[in-house]
């Protein structure tokens, strides 16, 4: 009956939604690892600067 068809369609939609979610995670996996790598490099640079005592302060822009 119609309940079987409706239940089957809901199950299929859930399955497709899970597939799409797993694929979208895969797209951002490389971006996450790249971001971690960049942050590690930045923290290393900052640590190297603080070891030498050389800290660069940026001037704040005035709002107009």
PDB file of N, CA and C in Angstrom:
ATOM      1  N   UNK A   1       0.814  -1.180   0.000  1.00  0.00           N
ATOM      2  CA  UNK A   1       0.000   0.000   0.000  1.00  0.00           C
ATOM      3  C   UNK A   1       0.866   1.255   0.000  1.00  0.00           C
ATOM      4  N   UNK A   2       0.187   2.344   0.167  1.00  0.00           N
ATOM      5  CA  UNK A   2       0.866   3.644   0.124  1.00  0.00           C
ATOM      6  C   UNK A   2       1.825   3.830   1.292  1.00  0.00           C
ATOM      7  N   UNK A   3       1.544   3.177   2.446  1.00  0.00           N
ATOM      8  CA  UNK A   3       2.448   3.287   3.601  1.00  0.00           C
ATOM      9  C   UNK A   3       3.801   2.641   3.302  1.00  0.00           C
ATOM     10  N   UNK A   4       3.781   1.517   2.580  1.00  0.00           N
ATOM     11  CA  UNK A   4       5.033   0.854   2.205  1.00  0.00           C
ATOM     12  C   UNK A   4       5.859   1.740   1.276  1.00  0.00           C
ATOM     13  N   UNK A   5       5.191   2.332   0.292  1.00  0.00           N
ATOM     14  CA  UNK A   5       5.886   3.197  -0.672  1.00  0.00           C
ATOM     15  C   UNK A   5       6.461   4.417   0.041  1.00  0.00           C
ATOM     16  N   UNK A   6       5.642   5.017   0.908  1.00  0.00           N
ATOM     17  CA  UNK A   6       6.076   6.211   1.622  1.00  0.00           C
ATOM     18  C   UNK A   6       7.268   5.897   2.533  1.00  0.00           C
ATOM     19  N   UNK A   7       7.208   4.781   3.249  1.00  0.00           N
ATOM     20  CA  UNK A   7       8.304   4.373   4.125  1.00  0.00           C
ATOM     21  C   UNK A   7       9.571   4.075   3.346  1.00  0.00           C
ATOM     22  N   UNK A   8       9.421   3.446   2.195  1.00  0.00           N
ATOM     23  CA  UNK A   8      10.575   3.142   1.347  1.00  0.00           C
ATOM     24  C   UNK A   8      11.231   4.429   0.858  1.00  0.00           C
ATOM     25  N   UNK A   9      10.418   5.394   0.443  1.00  0.00           N
ATOM     26  CA  UNK A   9      10.961   6.664  -0.042  1.00  0.00           C
ATOM     27  C   UNK A   9      11.693   7.416   1.066  1.00  0.00           C
ATOM     28  N   UNK A  10      11.156   7.380   2.276  1.00  0.00           N
ATOM     29  CA  UNK A  10      11.829   8.037   3.400  1.00  0.00           C
ATOM     30  C   UNK A  10      13.177   7.386   3.680  1.00  0.00           C
ATOM     31  N   UNK A  11      13.219   6.062   3.634  1.00  0.00           N
ATOM     32  CA  UNK A  11      14.476   5.352   3.869  1.00  0.00           C
ATOM     33  C   UNK A  11      15.491   5.688   2.781  1.00  0.00           C
ATOM     34  N   UNK A  12      15.023   5.775   1.540  1.00  0.00           N
ATOM     35  CA  UNK A  12      15.918   6.119   0.434  1.00  0.00           C
ATOM     36  C   UNK A  12      16.455   7.537   0.596  1.00  0.00           C
ATOM     37  N   UNK A  13      15.596   8.461   1.011  1.00  0.00           N
ATOM     38  CA  UNK A  13      16.034   9.846   1.207  1.00  0.00           C
ATOM     39  C   UNK A  13      17.062   9.935   2.339  1.00  0.00           C
ATOM     40  N   UNK A  14      16.857   9.196   3.411  1.00  0.00           N
ATOM     41  CA  UNK A  14      17.837   9.178   4.505  1.00  0.00           C
ATOM     42  C   UNK A  14      19.178   8.645   4.022  1.00  0.00           C
ATOM     43  N   UNK A  15      19.113   7.593   3.217  1.00  0.00           N
ATOM     44  CA  UNK A  15      20.344   7.000   2.683  1.00  0.00           C
ATOM     45  C   UNK A  15      21.089   7.996   1.795  1.00  0.00           C
ATOM     46  N   UNK A  16      20.370   8.675   0.924  1.00  0.00           N
ATOM     47  CA  UNK A  16      20.990   9.663   0.029  1.00  0.00           C
ATOM     48  C   UNK A  16      21.582  10.812   0.841  1.00  0.00           C
ATOM     49  N   UNK A  17      20.864  11.229   1.886  1.00  0.00           N
ATOM     50  CA  UNK A  17      21.358  12.318   2.736  1.00  0.00           C
ATOM     51  C   UNK A  17      22.670  11.917   3.416  1.00  0.00           C
ATOM     52  N   UNK A  18      22.755  10.677   3.886  1.00  0.00           N
ATOM     53  CA  UNK A  18      23.985  10.199   4.516  1.00  0.00           C
ATOM     54  C   UNK A  18      25.129  10.136   3.512  1.00  0.00           C
ATOM     55  N   UNK A  19      24.831   9.693   2.291  1.00  0.00           N
ATOM     56  CA  UNK A  19      25.864   9.646   1.253  1.00  0.00           C
ATOM     57  C   UNK A  19      26.394  11.041   0.939  1.00  0.00           C
ATOM     58  N   UNK A  20      25.490  12.002   0.813  1.00  0.00           N
ATOM     59  CA  UNK A  20      25.909  13.372   0.501  1.00  0.00           C
ATOM     60  C   UNK A  20      26.732  13.958   1.640  1.00  0.00           C
ATOM     61  N   UNK A  21      26.354  13.671   2.871  1.00  0.00           N
ATOM     62  CA  UNK A  21      27.096  14.184   4.021  1.00  0.00           C
ATOM     63  C   UNK A  21      28.502  13.606   4.051  1.00  0.00           C
ATOM     64  N   UNK A  22      28.636  12.318   3.752  1.00  0.00           N
ATOM     65  CA  UNK A  22      29.969  11.707   3.774  1.00  0.00           C
ATOM     66  C   UNK A  22      30.835  12.258   2.646  1.00  0.00           C
ATOM     67  N   UNK A  23      30.239  12.549   1.509  1.00  0.00           N
ATOM     68  CA  UNK A  23      31.004  13.127   0.398  1.00  0.00           C
ATOM     69  C   UNK A  23      31.426  14.554   0.710  1.00  0.00           C
ATOM     70  N   UNK A  24      30.552  15.332   1.328  1.00  0.00           N
ATOM     71  CA  UNK A  24      30.906  16.721   1.632  1.00  0.00           C
ATOM     72  C   UNK A  24      32.024  16.771   2.673  1.00  0.00           C
ATOM     73  N   UNK A  25      32.051  15.816   3.601  1.00  0.00           N
ATOM     74  CA  UNK A  25      33.146  15.754   4.571  1.00  0.00           C
ATOM     75  C   UNK A  25      34.464  15.474   3.866  1.00  0.00           C
ATOM     76  N   UNK A  26      34.415  14.619   2.853  1.00  0.00           N
ATOM     77  CA  UNK A  26      35.634  14.265   2.125  1.00  0.00           C
ATOM     78  C   UNK A  26      36.197  15.477   1.398  1.00  0.00           C
ATOM     79  N   UNK A  27      35.332  16.350   0.922  1.00  0.00           N
ATOM     80  CA  UNK A  27      35.800  17.541   0.215  1.00  0.00           C
ATOM     81  C   UNK A  27      36.604  18.454   1.130  1.00  0.00           C
ATOM     82  N   UNK A  28      36.207  18.537   2.398  1.00  0.00           N
ATOM     83  CA  UNK A  28      36.856  19.466   3.313  1.00  0.00           C
ATOM     84  C   UNK A  28      37.993  18.832   4.100  1.00  0.00           C
ATOM     85  N   UNK A  29      38.226  17.546   3.910  1.00  0.00           N
ATOM     86  CA  UNK A  29      39.293  16.868   4.651  1.00  0.00           C
ATOM     87  C   UNK A  29      40.656  17.475   4.322  1.00  0.00           C
ATOM     88  N   UNK A  30      40.920  17.719   3.032  1.00  0.00           N
ATOM     89  CA  UNK A  30      42.192  18.316   2.632  1.00  0.00           C
ATOM     90  C   UNK A  30      42.323  19.732   3.172  1.00  0.00           C
ATOM     91  N   UNK A  31      41.234  20.477   3.169  1.00  0.00           N
ATOM     92  CA  UNK A  31      41.266  21.850   3.663  1.00  0.00           C
ATOM     93  C   UNK A  31      41.584  21.879   5.152  1.00  0.00           C
ATOM     94  N   UNK A  32      41.029  20.942   5.904  1.00  0.00           N
ATOM     95  CA  UNK A  32      41.303  20.899   7.345  1.00  0.00           C
ATOM     96  C   UNK A  32      42.773  20.627   7.614  1.00  0.00           C
ATOM     97  N   UNK A  33      43.341  19.663   6.895  1.00  0.00           N
ATOM     98  CA  UNK A  33      44.752  19.335   7.129  1.00  0.00           C
ATOM     99  C   UNK A  33      45.646  20.497   6.707  1.00  0.00           C
ATOM    100  N   UNK A  34      45.292  21.177   5.625  1.00  0.00           N
ATOM    101  CA  UNK A  34      46.062  22.334   5.165  1.00  0.00           C
ATOM    102  C   UNK A  34      45.998  23.455   6.201  1.00  0.00           C
ATOM    103  N   UNK A  35      44.817  23.676   6.772  1.00  0.00           N
ATOM    104  CA  UNK A  35      44.656  24.712   7.790  1.00  0.00           C
ATOM    105  C   UNK A  35      45.488  24.396   9.028  1.00  0.00           C
ATOM    106  N   UNK A  36      45.491  23.134   9.446  1.00  0.00           N
ATOM    107  CA  UNK A  36      46.318  22.743  10.601  1.00  0.00           C
ATOM    108  C   UNK A  36      47.794  22.994  10.318  1.00  0.00           C
ATOM    109  N   UNK A  37      48.217  22.685   9.101  1.00  0.00           N
ATOM    110  CA  UNK A  37      49.616  22.886   8.714  1.00  0.00           C
ATOM    111  C   UNK A  37      49.979  24.371   8.752  1.00  0.00           C
ATOM    112  N   UNK A  38      49.109  25.214   8.216  1.00  0.00           N
ATOM    113  CA  UNK A  38      49.361  26.661   8.198  1.00  0.00           C
ATOM    114  C   UNK A  38      49.420  27.202   9.621  1.00  0.00           C
ATOM    115  N   UNK A  39      48.488  26.775  10.467  1.00  0.00           N
ATOM    116  CA  UNK A  39      48.484  27.258  11.856  1.00  0.00           C
ATOM    117  C   UNK A  39      49.726  26.821  12.607  1.00  0.00           C
ATOM    118  N   UNK A  40      50.198  25.618  12.331  1.00  0.00           N
ATOM    119  CA  UNK A  40      51.415  25.135  12.982  1.00  0.00           C
ATOM    120  C   UNK A  40      52.611  25.987  12.561  1.00  0.00           C
ATOM    121  N   UNK A  41      52.680  26.329  11.273  1.00  0.00           N
ATOM    122  CA  UNK A  41      53.777  27.172  10.786  1.00  0.00           C
ATOM    123  C   UNK A  41      53.712  28.553  11.422  1.00  0.00           C
ATOM    124  N   UNK A  42      52.508  29.119  11.527  1.00  0.00           N
ATOM    125  CA  UNK A  42      52.362  30.450  12.112  1.00  0.00           C
ATOM    126  C   UNK A  42      52.759  30.451  13.583  1.00  0.00           C
ATOM    127  N   UNK A  43      52.350  29.430  14.315  1.00  0.00           N
ATOM    128  CA  UNK A  43      52.699  29.396  15.736  1.00  0.00           C
ATOM    129  C   UNK A  43      54.203  29.202  15.915  1.00  0.00           C
ATOM    130  N   UNK A  44      54.829  28.449  15.005  1.00  0.00           N
ATOM    131  CA  UNK A  44      56.274  28.259  15.079  1.00  0.00           C
ATOM    132  C   UNK A  44      56.989  29.581  14.823  1.00  0.00           C
ATOM    133  N   UNK A  45      56.519  30.330  13.817  1.00  0.00           N
ATOM    134  CA  UNK A  45      57.117  31.645  13.524  1.00  0.00           C
ATOM    135  C   UNK A  45      56.960  32.580  14.708  1.00  0.00           C
ATOM    136  N   UNK A  46      55.786  32.587  15.307  1.00  0.00           N
ATOM    137  CA  UNK A  46      55.531  33.463  16.440  1.00  0.00           C
ATOM    138  C   UNK A  46      56.424  33.079  17.613  1.00  0.00           C
ATOM    139  N   UNK A  47      56.602  31.788  17.810  1.00  0.00           N
ATOM    140  CA  UNK A  47      57.457  31.307  18.896  1.00  0.00           C
ATOM    141  C   UNK A  47      58.914  31.692  18.627  1.00  0.00           C
ATOM    142  N   UNK A  48      59.359  31.578  17.384  1.00  0.00           N
ATOM    143  CA  UNK A  48      60.727  31.952  17.037  1.00  0.00           C
ATOM    144  C   UNK A  48      60.955  33.440  17.269  1.00  0.00           C
ATOM    145  N   UNK A  49      59.958  34.256  16.943  1.00  0.00           N
ATOM    146  CA  UNK A  49      60.076  35.701  17.153  1.00  0.00           C
ATOM    147  C   UNK A  49      60.184  36.035  18.630  1.00  0.00           C
ATOM    148  N   UNK A  50      59.360  35.385  19.436  1.00  0.00           N
ATOM    149  CA  UNK A  50      59.359  35.705  20.864  1.00  0.00           C
ATOM    150  C   UNK A  50      60.659  35.250  21.531  1.00  0.00           C
ATOM    151  N   UNK A  51      61.303  34.238  20.972  1.00  0.00           N
ATOM    152  CA  UNK A  51      62.580  33.788  21.519  1.00  0.00           C
ATOM    153  C   UNK A  51      63.666  34.840  21.322  1.00  0.00           C
ATOM    154  N   UNK A  52      63.629  35.559  20.198  1.00  0.00           N
ATOM    155  CA  UNK A  52      64.647  36.567  19.916  1.00  0.00           C
ATOM    156  C   UNK A  52      64.284  37.920  20.509  1.00  0.00           C
ATOM    157  N   UNK A  53      63.055  38.054  21.010  1.00  0.00           N
ATOM    158  CA  UNK A  53      62.631  39.326  21.573  1.00  0.00           C
ATOM    159  C   UNK A  53      62.127  40.283  20.518  1.00  0.00           C
ATOM    160  N   UNK A  54      62.059  39.850  19.285  1.00  0.00           N
ATOM    161  CA  UNK A  54      61.610  40.717  18.196  1.00  0.00           C
ATOM    162  C   UNK A  54      60.111  40.514  17.996  1.00  0.00           C
ATOM    163  N   UNK A  55      59.352  41.485  18.439  1.00  0.00           N
ATOM    164  CA  UNK A  55      57.904  41.404  18.280  1.00  0.00           C
ATOM    165  C   UNK A  55      57.454  42.636  17.512  1.00  0.00           C
ATOM    166  N   UNK A  56      56.728  42.424  16.454  1.00  0.00           N
ATOM    167  CA  UNK A  56      56.267  43.530  15.621  1.00  0.00           C
ATOM    168  C   UNK A  56      54.845  43.872  16.024  1.00  0.00           C
ATOM    169  N   UNK A  57      54.634  45.115  16.420  1.00  0.00           N
ATOM    170  CA  UNK A  57      53.300  45.570  16.789  1.00  0.00           C
ATOM    171  C   UNK A  57      52.704  46.311  15.599  1.00  0.00           C
ATOM    172  N   UNK A  58      51.478  45.995  15.271  1.00  0.00           N
ATOM    173  CA  UNK A  58      50.808  46.669  14.160  1.00  0.00           C
ATOM    174  C   UNK A  58      50.009  47.844  14.693  1.00  0.00           C
ATOM    175  N   UNK A  59      50.001  48.924  13.921  1.00  0.00           N
ATOM    176  CA  UNK A  59      49.232  50.092  14.315  1.00  0.00           C
ATOM    177  C   UNK A  59      47.765  49.862  13.997  1.00  0.00           C
ATOM    178  N   UNK A  60      46.914  50.336  14.886  1.00  0.00           N
ATOM    179  CA  UNK A  60      45.479  50.216  14.651  1.00  0.00           C
ATOM    180  C   UNK A  60      45.041  51.322  13.702  1.00  0.00           C
ATOM    181  N   UNK A  61      44.166  50.976  12.792  1.00  0.00           N
ATOM    182  CA  UNK A  61      43.642  51.973  11.863  1.00  0.00           C
ATOM    183  C   UNK A  61      42.582  52.801  12.572  1.00  0.00           C
ATOM    184  N   UNK A  62      42.611  54.097  12.321  1.00  0.00           N
ATOM    185  CA  UNK A  62      41.617  54.976  12.916  1.00  0.00           C
ATOM    186  C   UNK A  62      40.328  54.890  12.119  1.00  0.00           C
ATOM    187  N   UNK A  63      39.224  54.842  12.840  1.00  0.00           N
ATOM    188  CA  UNK A  63      37.922  54.822  12.177  1.00  0.00           C
ATOM    189  C   UNK A  63      37.554  56.241  11.784  1.00  0.00           C
ATOM    190  N   UNK A  64      37.006  56.385  10.589  1.00  0.00           N
ATOM    191  CA  UNK A  64      36.625  57.734  10.136  1.00  0.00           C
ATOM    192  C   UNK A  64      35.134  57.890  10.090  1.00  0.00           C
TER     193      UNK A  64
END
